[in-house]
Amino acid sequence: MSIDWAAELLDPIYEELGVEAQIAPASGSDPVTVTALDLSAGVTIGSAIEVPTLEPAAALRVAELAGHGLIAAELIDGTITLNGTAWKIRAPAPKPSPAGEAAGEVLLLLEAINASA
């Protein structure tokens, strides 16, 4: 018997902790609404070998993005708005599940949008 990682592990987390977010790809496509984990307070990026840094991020399920016809690489320089704050999407960082990348998550590394720009 194989485990459905999305249904058993990710879906309950996103149902309980997820927030509605709007993603606007840099291509100018219409924004889409997704469920995201707001990690804008910062996540540790890097390993014990590197100097880890704390960076704002948002986590999304790869399958939900795919359901909107999006892939993470297309979101670079786009924006995500969650909990009332808009962020520029700097880079994606995949978080595959044991069932593979398509059944996992992607961390979107964020950059504050300068309100005076």
Protein backbone atom coordinates (compact mmCIF):
# COMPACT_ATOMS: atom_id res chain seq x y z
CA MET A 1 0.00 0.00 0.00
CA SER A 2 1.41 3.38 -0.94
CA ILE A 3 0.82 6.62 0.93
CA ASP A 4 -0.94 9.50 -0.80
CA TRP A 5 1.41 12.18 0.56
CA ALA A 6 -0.75 15.08 -0.52
CA ALA A 7 -3.99 13.72 0.93
CA GLU A 8 -2.52 12.27 4.11
CA LEU A 9 0.06 14.91 5.04
CA LEU A 10 -0.07 18.13 3.04
CA ASP A 11 -3.82 18.66 2.64
CA PRO A 12 -4.55 18.67 6.42
CA ILE A 13 -1.71 21.15 7.02
CA TYR A 14 -2.94 23.50 4.30
CA GLU A 15 -6.57 23.16 5.48
CA GLU A 16 -5.60 24.10 9.04
CA LEU A 17 -2.77 26.62 8.54
CA GLY A 18 -3.17 27.78 4.94
CA VAL A 19 -4.24 31.28 3.96
CA GLU A 20 -5.76 32.53 0.74
CA ALA A 21 -3.13 34.09 -1.51
CA GLN A 22 -3.19 35.72 -4.93
CA ILE A 23 -0.35 34.99 -7.31
CA ALA A 24 0.31 37.24 -10.30
CA PRO A 25 2.90 35.72 -12.65
CA ALA A 26 5.50 38.09 -14.10
CA SER A 27 4.14 37.28 -17.58
CA GLY A 28 1.15 39.50 -16.86
CA SER A 29 -1.32 36.60 -16.77
CA ASP A 30 -4.38 37.08 -14.62
CA PRO A 31 -3.78 36.50 -10.90
CA VAL A 32 -4.93 33.19 -9.45
CA THR A 33 -6.05 32.38 -5.92
CA VAL A 34 -4.23 29.58 -4.11
CA THR A 35 -3.80 28.35 -0.55
CA ALA A 36 -0.36 29.12 0.88
CA LEU A 37 1.51 28.79 4.12
CA ASP A 38 2.64 32.27 5.15
CA LEU A 39 6.29 31.89 6.10
CA SER A 40 7.09 35.56 5.58
CA ALA A 41 8.51 35.78 9.11
CA GLY A 42 11.37 33.76 7.62
CA VAL A 43 12.58 30.23 6.97
CA THR A 44 16.11 28.94 7.29
CA ILE A 45 17.75 28.60 3.91
CA GLY A 46 21.06 26.76 3.61
CA SER A 47 22.60 23.72 5.20
CA ALA A 48 24.99 23.11 8.06
CA ILE A 49 27.86 23.42 5.59
CA GLU A 50 26.67 26.81 4.34
CA VAL A 51 25.89 29.83 6.46
CA PRO A 52 22.13 29.55 6.92
CA THR A 53 20.06 32.69 6.48
CA LEU A 54 16.51 33.58 7.42
CA GLU A 55 14.42 34.60 4.42
CA PRO A 56 10.72 35.38 3.95
CA ALA A 57 8.91 32.67 2.00
CA ALA A 58 5.55 31.16 1.16
CA ALA A 59 4.92 27.44 0.69
CA LEU A 60 2.50 26.14 -1.92
CA ARG A 61 1.50 22.70 -3.10
CA VAL A 62 2.93 21.93 -6.54
CA ALA A 63 -0.29 20.16 -7.52
CA GLU A 64 -2.38 23.25 -6.77
CA LEU A 65 -0.08 25.41 -8.91
CA ALA A 66 -0.29 22.84 -11.71
CA GLY A 67 -4.09 22.90 -11.41
CA HIS A 68 -3.90 26.58 -12.38
CA GLY A 69 -1.53 25.82 -15.26
CA LEU A 70 1.48 27.30 -13.44
CA ILE A 71 4.96 26.05 -12.72
CA ALA A 72 7.18 27.60 -10.07
CA ALA A 73 9.86 28.79 -12.51
CA GLU A 74 7.24 31.00 -14.25
CA LEU A 75 6.58 32.88 -11.02
CA ILE A 76 10.02 34.49 -10.70
CA ASP A 77 9.57 38.29 -10.60
CA GLY A 78 5.82 37.85 -10.16
CA THR A 79 4.00 38.76 -6.96
CA ILE A 80 2.14 36.97 -4.22
CA THR A 81 -0.22 38.70 -1.83
CA LEU A 82 -0.98 36.97 1.44
CA ASN A 83 -2.36 38.26 4.71
CA GLY A 84 -2.69 41.71 3.16
CA THR A 85 0.96 42.08 2.14
CA ALA A 86 2.31 41.93 -1.42
CA TRP A 87 5.71 40.35 -2.02
CA LYS A 88 7.91 39.98 -5.08
CA ILE A 89 8.73 36.34 -5.85
CA ARG A 90 12.51 36.10 -5.99
CA ALA A 91 13.07 32.37 -6.57
CA PRO A 92 11.41 28.98 -6.14
CA ALA A 93 12.92 26.21 -4.00
CA PRO A 94 11.38 22.76 -4.49
CA LYS A 95 10.40 20.66 -1.46
CA PRO A 96 9.62 17.27 -3.01
CA SER A 97 7.73 14.63 -1.08
CA PRO A 98 8.93 11.01 -0.99
CA ALA A 99 6.50 10.50 -3.89
CA GLY A 100 8.36 13.10 -6.01
CA GLU A 101 8.39 16.78 -6.80
CA ALA A 102 4.87 16.86 -8.29
CA ALA A 103 3.42 15.54 -5.01
CA GLY A 104 5.36 18.00 -2.86
CA GLU A 105 5.62 21.69 -2.18
CA VAL A 106 7.55 24.64 -3.47
CA LEU A 107 8.95 27.40 -1.29
CA LEU A 108 8.67 30.77 -2.97
CA LEU A 109 11.49 32.95 -1.65
CA LEU A 110 10.15 36.47 -1.27
CA GLU A 111 11.39 40.02 -1.31
CA ALA A 112 9.57 42.97 0.21
CA ILE A 113 8.08 45.34 -2.33
CA ASN A 114 9.28 48.86 -1.63
CA ALA A 115 6.15 50.95 -1.14
CA SER A 116 7.95 54.13 -2.22
CA ALA A 117 9.09 52.70 -5.57
